[in-house]
Amino acid sequence: MEQDWNVTVLRKRAADKAKVSRTQSEVNAARRAGAVVATEKKTTTNAGHANTDHARIAKLDRDNDVTAPPKIDVSVGKAIQKARGDKGLTQKDLAQLINEKPQVNEYEAGKAVPNQQILGKLERALGVKLRGKGIGEPLTFGKKK
């Protein structure tokens, strides 16, 4: 295993220049040759914080509760399908109407992870409630009389 050391080899004779060795074998060869060897270890600036990520990763590894993100309810998909059919829209037309990609199909199939912004756009475009109580009921604005 190599270490991060900067090694300066000092010679007894003035004709020899100091040499920086980076491997342990060069340091050992210089010592065998009778040279004076000065070593200095490299340090990192955030040495105190170097292993904090490892602790967090180890905690995540110990946590075995892996759950899939919640999917949209099937009743919401049926309400979207019914309202879209009543308005005579295709899935592609509905996606264009709310300025979204055709991923809206996943909402009908019940495979999508719910996004409140997309659900709000769908509610306004179709005129039915897709969130909270009364899913599939006509969307009303303001106070009920």
N, C-alpha and C. Protein backbone atom coordinates (compact mmCIF):
# COMPACT_ATOMS: atom_id res chain seq x y z
N MET A 1 0.85 -1.18 0.00
CA MET A 1 0.00 0.00 0.00
C MET A 1 0.89 1.24 0.00
N GLU A 2 0.71 2.13 -0.94
CA GLU A 2 1.51 3.34 -1.02
C GLU A 2 0.89 4.42 -0.17
N GLN A 3 1.75 5.26 0.42
CA GLN A 3 1.29 6.37 1.23
C GLN A 3 1.58 7.67 0.50
N ASP A 4 0.89 8.71 0.90
CA ASP A 4 1.14 10.02 0.31
C ASP A 4 2.24 10.73 1.10
N TRP A 5 3.46 10.52 0.71
CA TRP A 5 4.60 11.14 1.38
C TRP A 5 5.40 11.93 0.34
N ASN A 6 5.86 13.09 0.71
CA ASN A 6 6.85 13.81 -0.07
C ASN A 6 8.17 13.60 0.63
N VAL A 7 9.14 13.05 -0.06
CA VAL A 7 10.42 12.73 0.54
C VAL A 7 11.50 13.51 -0.17
N THR A 8 12.34 14.16 0.59
CA THR A 8 13.48 14.89 0.04
C THR A 8 14.76 14.18 0.47
N VAL A 9 15.57 13.77 -0.49
CA VAL A 9 16.81 13.07 -0.20
C VAL A 9 17.94 14.09 -0.20
N LEU A 10 18.66 14.18 0.92
CA LEU A 10 19.76 15.13 1.05
C LEU A 10 21.07 14.37 0.90
N ARG A 11 21.96 14.85 0.05
CA ARG A 11 23.25 14.20 -0.18
C ARG A 11 24.33 14.88 0.65
N LYS A 12 25.37 14.13 0.96
CA LYS A 12 26.48 14.67 1.72
C LYS A 12 27.35 15.56 0.84
N ARG A 13 27.44 15.24 -0.42
CA ARG A 13 28.29 16.02 -1.32
C ARG A 13 27.49 17.19 -1.91
N ALA A 14 28.16 18.28 -2.15
CA ALA A 14 27.50 19.47 -2.69
C ALA A 14 27.12 19.27 -4.15
N ALA A 15 27.80 18.38 -4.86
CA ALA A 15 27.54 18.17 -6.28
C ALA A 15 26.18 17.48 -6.49
N ASP A 16 25.77 16.68 -5.51
CA ASP A 16 24.48 15.99 -5.64
C ASP A 16 23.36 16.95 -5.27
N LYS A 17 22.34 16.94 -6.07
CA LYS A 17 21.18 17.80 -5.79
C LYS A 17 20.16 17.02 -4.98
N ALA A 18 19.32 17.72 -4.27
CA ALA A 18 18.24 17.09 -3.51
C ALA A 18 17.23 16.53 -4.49
N LYS A 19 16.74 15.35 -4.18
CA LYS A 19 15.79 14.69 -5.06
C LYS A 19 14.52 14.40 -4.29
N VAL A 20 13.38 14.60 -4.92
CA VAL A 20 12.10 14.30 -4.30
C VAL A 20 11.67 12.92 -4.77
N SER A 21 11.48 12.01 -3.81
CA SER A 21 11.05 10.65 -4.12
C SER A 21 9.62 10.48 -3.68
N ARG A 22 8.85 9.82 -4.51
CA ARG A 22 7.44 9.64 -4.17
C ARG A 22 7.08 8.20 -3.83
N THR A 23 7.95 7.27 -4.05
CA THR A 23 7.62 5.88 -3.74
C THR A 23 8.49 5.38 -2.60
N GLN A 24 7.97 4.39 -1.89
CA GLN A 24 8.68 3.83 -0.75
C GLN A 24 9.98 3.15 -1.19
N SER A 25 10.00 2.54 -2.38
CA SER A 25 11.20 1.86 -2.85
C SER A 25 12.34 2.86 -3.09
N GLU A 26 12.03 4.06 -3.61
CA GLU A 26 13.06 5.07 -3.81
C GLU A 26 13.62 5.56 -2.47
N VAL A 27 12.75 5.70 -1.47
CA VAL A 27 13.19 6.13 -0.14
C VAL A 27 14.12 5.08 0.45
N ASN A 28 13.74 3.80 0.35
CA ASN A 28 14.56 2.72 0.91
C ASN A 28 15.92 2.64 0.20
N ALA A 29 15.92 2.83 -1.12
CA ALA A 29 17.17 2.80 -1.87
C ALA A 29 18.09 3.94 -1.43
N ALA A 30 17.54 5.10 -1.18
CA ALA A 30 18.33 6.24 -0.73
C ALA A 30 18.91 5.98 0.65
N ARG A 31 18.13 5.37 1.53
CA ARG A 31 18.62 5.05 2.88
C ARG A 31 19.76 4.03 2.81
N ARG A 32 19.63 3.03 1.93
CA ARG A 32 20.67 2.02 1.78
C ARG A 32 21.96 2.63 1.26
N ALA A 33 21.83 3.67 0.44
CA ALA A 33 22.99 4.33 -0.12
C ALA A 33 23.66 5.25 0.88
N GLY A 34 23.06 5.43 2.05
CA GLY A 34 23.66 6.24 3.10
C GLY A 34 23.28 7.71 3.04
N ALA A 35 22.24 8.02 2.31
CA ALA A 35 21.81 9.41 2.21
C ALA A 35 20.96 9.79 3.42
N VAL A 36 20.98 11.05 3.73
CA VAL A 36 20.12 11.57 4.80
C VAL A 36 18.75 11.82 4.17
N VAL A 37 17.72 11.26 4.79
CA VAL A 37 16.39 11.34 4.22
C VAL A 37 15.49 12.14 5.16
N ALA A 38 14.86 13.17 4.64
CA ALA A 38 13.90 13.96 5.42
C ALA A 38 12.52 13.67 4.83
N THR A 39 11.56 13.38 5.69
CA THR A 39 10.21 13.06 5.20
C THR A 39 9.21 14.06 5.75
N GLU A 40 8.17 14.26 4.99
CA GLU A 40 7.08 15.13 5.42
C GLU A 40 5.79 14.55 4.87
N LYS A 41 4.79 14.41 5.72
CA LYS A 41 3.53 13.78 5.32
C LYS A 41 2.58 14.84 4.79
N LYS A 42 1.88 14.51 3.68
CA LYS A 42 0.88 15.42 3.14
C LYS A 42 -0.35 15.42 4.04
N THR A 43 -0.97 16.56 4.20
CA THR A 43 -2.19 16.65 4.99
C THR A 43 -3.29 17.26 4.14
N THR A 44 -4.51 16.94 4.51
CA THR A 44 -5.65 17.53 3.81
C THR A 44 -6.25 18.60 4.70
N THR A 45 -6.93 19.56 4.12
CA THR A 45 -7.46 20.68 4.89
C THR A 45 -8.63 20.29 5.76
N ASN A 46 -9.52 19.45 5.29
CA ASN A 46 -10.70 19.05 6.06
C ASN A 46 -10.54 17.66 6.64
N ALA A 47 -9.43 17.38 7.25
CA ALA A 47 -9.18 16.04 7.77
C ALA A 47 -10.20 15.66 8.85
N GLY A 48 -10.70 16.62 9.60
CA GLY A 48 -11.66 16.33 10.65
C GLY A 48 -13.01 15.91 10.12
N HIS A 49 -13.33 16.31 8.90
CA HIS A 49 -14.64 16.00 8.31
C HIS A 49 -14.55 14.93 7.23
N ALA A 50 -13.44 14.26 7.14
CA ALA A 50 -13.22 13.33 6.03
C ALA A 50 -14.14 12.12 6.08
N ASN A 51 -14.47 11.63 7.26
CA ASN A 51 -15.24 10.38 7.36
C ASN A 51 -16.70 10.57 7.72
N THR A 52 -17.23 11.78 7.65
CA THR A 52 -18.62 11.99 8.03
C THR A 52 -19.57 11.37 7.02
N ASP A 53 -19.21 11.34 5.75
CA ASP A 53 -20.08 10.72 4.75
C ASP A 53 -20.18 9.22 4.98
N HIS A 54 -19.09 8.60 5.41
CA HIS A 54 -19.10 7.15 5.63
C HIS A 54 -20.09 6.77 6.72
N ALA A 55 -20.19 7.59 7.76
CA ALA A 55 -21.12 7.30 8.85
C ALA A 55 -22.56 7.39 8.34
N ARG A 56 -22.84 8.41 7.52
CA ARG A 56 -24.20 8.57 7.00
C ARG A 56 -24.55 7.44 6.04
N ILE A 57 -23.60 7.03 5.20
CA ILE A 57 -23.84 5.93 4.27
C ILE A 57 -24.04 4.62 5.01
N ALA A 58 -23.26 4.40 6.07
CA ALA A 58 -23.42 3.18 6.86
C ALA A 58 -24.79 3.14 7.51
N LYS A 59 -25.28 4.28 7.98
CA LYS A 59 -26.62 4.33 8.58
C LYS A 59 -27.68 3.99 7.55
N LEU A 60 -27.51 4.50 6.33
CA LEU A 60 -28.47 4.18 5.26
C LEU A 60 -28.42 2.69 4.91
N ASP A 61 -27.23 2.10 4.94
CA ASP A 61 -27.10 0.68 4.64
C ASP A 61 -27.80 -0.17 5.69
N ARG A 62 -27.75 0.28 6.95
CA ARG A 62 -28.39 -0.49 8.02
C ARG A 62 -29.91 -0.40 7.95
N ASP A 63 -30.41 0.66 7.36
CA ASP A 63 -31.85 0.86 7.28
C ASP A 63 -32.41 0.01 6.15
N ASN A 64 -33.12 -1.04 6.50
CA ASN A 64 -33.62 -1.99 5.49
C ASN A 64 -35.05 -1.68 5.05
N ASP A 65 -35.63 -0.60 5.54
CA ASP A 65 -37.01 -0.28 5.20
C ASP A 65 -37.06 0.46 3.87
N VAL A 66 -36.92 -0.28 2.79
CA VAL A 66 -36.98 0.31 1.45
C VAL A 66 -38.42 0.21 0.98
N THR A 67 -39.04 1.36 0.76
CA THR A 67 -40.43 1.37 0.29
C THR A 67 -40.50 2.13 -1.02
N ALA A 68 -41.37 1.67 -1.87
CA ALA A 68 -41.59 2.35 -3.15
C ALA A 68 -42.38 3.62 -2.89
N PRO A 69 -42.18 4.65 -3.71
CA PRO A 69 -42.98 5.86 -3.52
C PRO A 69 -44.46 5.56 -3.79
N PRO A 70 -45.35 6.27 -3.12
CA PRO A 70 -46.77 5.98 -3.28
C PRO A 70 -47.25 6.28 -4.70
N LYS A 71 -48.07 5.40 -5.22
CA LYS A 71 -48.64 5.58 -6.57
C LYS A 71 -50.00 6.24 -6.43
N ILE A 72 -50.49 6.74 -7.53
CA ILE A 72 -51.79 7.39 -7.54
C ILE A 72 -52.89 6.33 -7.40
N ASP A 73 -53.99 6.69 -6.77
CA ASP A 73 -55.08 5.75 -6.53
C ASP A 73 -55.79 5.40 -7.84
N VAL A 74 -56.31 4.18 -7.90
CA VAL A 74 -57.00 3.71 -9.11
C VAL A 74 -58.26 4.53 -9.38
N SER A 75 -58.92 5.00 -8.30
CA SER A 75 -60.14 5.79 -8.49
C SER A 75 -59.85 7.10 -9.22
N VAL A 76 -58.67 7.66 -8.99
CA VAL A 76 -58.29 8.89 -9.70
C VAL A 76 -58.12 8.59 -11.19
N GLY A 77 -57.49 7.47 -11.51
CA GLY A 77 -57.31 7.07 -12.90
C GLY A 77 -58.64 6.87 -13.61
N LYS A 78 -59.58 6.24 -12.90
CA LYS A 78 -60.90 6.02 -13.50
C LYS A 78 -61.63 7.33 -13.71
N ALA A 79 -61.47 8.27 -12.76
CA ALA A 79 -62.13 9.58 -12.89
C ALA A 79 -61.54 10.35 -14.07
N ILE A 80 -60.22 10.27 -14.25
CA ILE A 80 -59.58 10.94 -15.39
C ILE A 80 -60.09 10.34 -16.69
N GLN A 81 -60.14 9.02 -16.73
CA GLN A 81 -60.58 8.32 -17.95
C GLN A 81 -62.02 8.68 -18.30
N LYS A 82 -62.89 8.71 -17.30
CA LYS A 82 -64.31 9.01 -17.55
C LYS A 82 -64.48 10.45 -18.02
N ALA A 83 -63.82 11.40 -17.34
CA ALA A 83 -63.95 12.82 -17.70
C ALA A 83 -63.35 13.08 -19.08
N ARG A 84 -62.26 12.43 -19.39
CA ARG A 84 -61.63 12.60 -20.69
C ARG A 84 -62.54 12.06 -21.79
N GLY A 85 -63.17 10.92 -21.54
CA GLY A 85 -64.11 10.34 -22.51
C GLY A 85 -65.32 11.23 -22.72
N ASP A 86 -65.82 11.83 -21.62
CA ASP A 86 -66.98 12.72 -21.71
C ASP A 86 -66.68 13.96 -22.55
N LYS A 87 -65.44 14.44 -22.47
CA LYS A 87 -65.05 15.62 -23.24
C LYS A 87 -64.59 15.25 -24.64
N GLY A 88 -64.47 13.97 -24.95
CA GLY A 88 -64.06 13.53 -26.29
C GLY A 88 -62.59 13.78 -26.58
N LEU A 89 -61.74 13.68 -25.57
CA LEU A 89 -60.31 13.92 -25.74
C LEU A 89 -59.54 12.60 -25.75
N THR A 90 -58.48 12.55 -26.53
CA THR A 90 -57.57 11.40 -26.45
C THR A 90 -56.55 11.72 -25.37
N GLN A 91 -55.77 10.70 -24.99
CA GLN A 91 -54.73 10.93 -23.98
C GLN A 91 -53.72 11.95 -24.47
N LYS A 92 -53.39 11.88 -25.74
CA LYS A 92 -52.43 12.82 -26.33
C LYS A 92 -53.00 14.24 -26.32
N ASP A 93 -54.29 14.38 -26.66
CA ASP A 93 -54.93 15.70 -26.65
C ASP A 93 -54.93 16.30 -25.24
N LEU A 94 -55.21 15.45 -24.25
CA LEU A 94 -55.24 15.91 -22.86
C LEU A 94 -53.85 16.38 -22.42
N ALA A 95 -52.82 15.64 -22.80
CA ALA A 95 -51.45 16.02 -22.44
C ALA A 95 -51.09 17.36 -23.08
N GLN A 96 -51.49 17.56 -24.34
CA GLN A 96 -51.22 18.83 -25.01
C GLN A 96 -52.02 19.97 -24.38
N LEU A 97 -53.23 19.68 -23.95
CA LEU A 97 -54.09 20.69 -23.35
C LEU A 97 -53.50 21.25 -22.06
N ILE A 98 -52.83 20.39 -21.28
CA ILE A 98 -52.25 20.85 -20.01
C ILE A 98 -50.75 21.12 -20.13
N ASN A 99 -50.23 21.10 -21.36
CA ASN A 99 -48.82 21.37 -21.62
C ASN A 99 -47.88 20.44 -20.86
N GLU A 100 -48.17 19.16 -20.91
CA GLU A 100 -47.32 18.15 -20.29
C GLU A 100 -46.99 17.09 -21.32
N LYS A 101 -45.99 16.28 -21.01
CA LYS A 101 -45.64 15.16 -21.88
C LYS A 101 -46.72 14.10 -21.77
N PRO A 102 -46.77 13.17 -22.71
CA PRO A 102 -47.80 12.12 -22.65
C PRO A 102 -47.67 11.17 -21.46
N GLN A 103 -46.90 11.54 -20.43
CA GLN A 103 -46.80 10.73 -19.22
C GLN A 103 -48.11 10.73 -18.44
N VAL A 104 -49.07 11.57 -18.87
CA VAL A 104 -50.37 11.63 -18.21
C VAL A 104 -51.06 10.27 -18.31
N ASN A 105 -50.68 9.47 -19.30
CA ASN A 105 -51.24 8.12 -19.43
C ASN A 105 -51.01 7.32 -18.16
N GLU A 106 -49.88 7.55 -17.51
CA GLU A 106 -49.56 6.81 -16.28
C GLU A 106 -50.52 7.18 -15.17
N TYR A 107 -51.06 8.38 -15.18
CA TYR A 107 -52.04 8.77 -14.16
C TYR A 107 -53.32 7.95 -14.34
N GLU A 108 -53.73 7.75 -15.58
CA GLU A 108 -54.92 6.93 -15.84
C GLU A 108 -54.70 5.48 -15.45
N ALA A 109 -53.50 4.98 -15.69
CA ALA A 109 -53.20 3.58 -15.40
C ALA A 109 -52.94 3.34 -13.91
N GLY A 110 -52.78 4.40 -13.12
CA GLY A 110 -52.50 4.25 -11.70
C GLY A 110 -51.05 3.90 -11.43
N LYS A 111 -50.14 4.20 -12.35
CA LYS A 111 -48.72 3.87 -12.19
C LYS A 111 -47.88 5.08 -11.82
N ALA A 112 -48.45 6.28 -11.88
CA ALA A 112 -47.66 7.51 -11.68
C ALA A 112 -47.52 7.83 -10.19
N VAL A 113 -46.39 8.46 -9.86
CA VAL A 113 -46.21 9.04 -8.53
C VAL A 113 -46.91 10.40 -8.59
N PRO A 114 -47.84 10.67 -7.67
CA PRO A 114 -48.65 11.89 -7.78
C PRO A 114 -47.83 13.17 -7.72
N ASN A 115 -48.11 14.06 -8.66
CA ASN A 115 -47.52 15.40 -8.68
C ASN A 115 -48.70 16.37 -8.58
N GLN A 116 -48.70 17.17 -7.51
CA GLN A 116 -49.84 18.04 -7.25
C GLN A 116 -50.06 19.08 -8.35
N GLN A 117 -48.99 19.54 -8.98
CA GLN A 117 -49.15 20.53 -10.05
C GLN A 117 -49.86 19.91 -11.25
N ILE A 118 -49.45 18.70 -11.62
CA ILE A 118 -50.09 18.04 -12.76
C ILE A 118 -51.53 17.69 -12.43
N LEU A 119 -51.79 17.24 -11.20
CA LEU A 119 -53.17 16.94 -10.82
C LEU A 119 -54.04 18.20 -10.87
N GLY A 120 -53.50 19.34 -10.47
CA GLY A 120 -54.25 20.59 -10.54
C GLY A 120 -54.57 20.97 -11.98
N LYS A 121 -53.60 20.79 -12.89
CA LYS A 121 -53.84 21.08 -14.30
C LYS A 121 -54.91 20.15 -14.87
N LEU A 122 -54.84 18.87 -14.49
CA LEU A 122 -55.84 17.91 -14.96
C LEU A 122 -57.23 18.28 -14.45
N GLU A 123 -57.31 18.68 -13.18
CA GLU A 123 -58.61 19.07 -12.62
C GLU A 123 -59.22 20.22 -13.40
N ARG A 124 -58.43 21.25 -13.67
CA ARG A 124 -58.95 22.43 -14.39
C ARG A 124 -59.33 22.07 -15.82
N ALA A 125 -58.53 21.22 -16.48
CA ALA A 125 -58.81 20.88 -17.88
C ALA A 125 -60.04 19.99 -18.01
N LEU A 126 -60.22 19.07 -17.05
CA LEU A 126 -61.33 18.12 -17.15
C LEU A 126 -62.57 18.57 -16.40
N GLY A 127 -62.41 19.49 -15.43
CA GLY A 127 -63.55 19.99 -14.68
C GLY A 127 -64.05 19.01 -13.62
N VAL A 128 -63.20 18.10 -13.16
CA VAL A 128 -63.60 17.16 -12.09
C VAL A 128 -62.54 17.18 -10.99
N LYS A 129 -62.97 16.82 -9.76
CA LYS A 129 -62.05 16.76 -8.63
C LYS A 129 -61.22 15.49 -8.73
N LEU A 130 -59.92 15.62 -8.54
CA LEU A 130 -59.02 14.46 -8.56
C LEU A 130 -58.26 14.32 -7.25
N ARG A 131 -58.45 15.25 -6.33
CA ARG A 131 -57.75 15.22 -5.04
C ARG A 131 -58.75 15.39 -3.91
N GLY A 132 -58.42 14.85 -2.75
CA GLY A 132 -59.25 15.03 -1.57
C GLY A 132 -60.51 14.17 -1.62
N LYS A 133 -61.56 14.67 -0.96
CA LYS A 133 -62.83 13.94 -0.92
C LYS A 133 -63.62 14.21 -2.19
N GLY A 134 -64.45 13.28 -2.56
CA GLY A 134 -65.33 13.45 -3.72
C GLY A 134 -64.61 13.38 -5.05
N ILE A 135 -63.68 12.44 -5.19
CA ILE A 135 -62.96 12.29 -6.46
C ILE A 135 -63.94 11.92 -7.56
N GLY A 136 -63.88 12.63 -8.67
CA GLY A 136 -64.76 12.38 -9.80
C GLY A 136 -65.96 13.29 -9.85
N GLU A 137 -66.21 14.05 -8.79
CA GLU A 137 -67.33 14.99 -8.78
C GLU A 137 -66.97 16.23 -9.59
N PRO A 138 -67.98 16.94 -10.11
CA PRO A 138 -67.69 18.16 -10.87
C PRO A 138 -66.95 19.18 -10.00
N LEU A 139 -66.02 19.88 -10.61
CA LEU A 139 -65.21 20.87 -9.90
C LEU A 139 -66.00 22.15 -9.77
N THR A 140 -66.15 22.64 -8.54
CA THR A 140 -66.86 23.90 -8.29
C THR A 140 -65.88 24.91 -7.71
N PHE A 141 -66.08 26.16 -8.03
CA PHE A 141 -65.22 27.21 -7.52
C PHE A 141 -66.02 28.08 -6.56
N GLY A 142 -65.38 28.59 -5.54
CA GLY A 142 -66.04 29.47 -4.59
C GLY A 142 -66.81 28.68 -3.55
N LYS A 143 -67.65 29.39 -2.79
CA LYS A 143 -68.43 28.77 -1.73
C LYS A 143 -69.64 28.04 -2.29
N LYS A 144 -69.99 26.94 -1.63
CA LYS A 144 -71.20 26.21 -2.02
C LYS A 144 -72.40 26.90 -1.38
N LYS A 145 -73.50 26.98 -2.10
CA LYS A 145 -74.71 27.64 -1.57
C LYS A 145 -75.71 26.64 -1.11
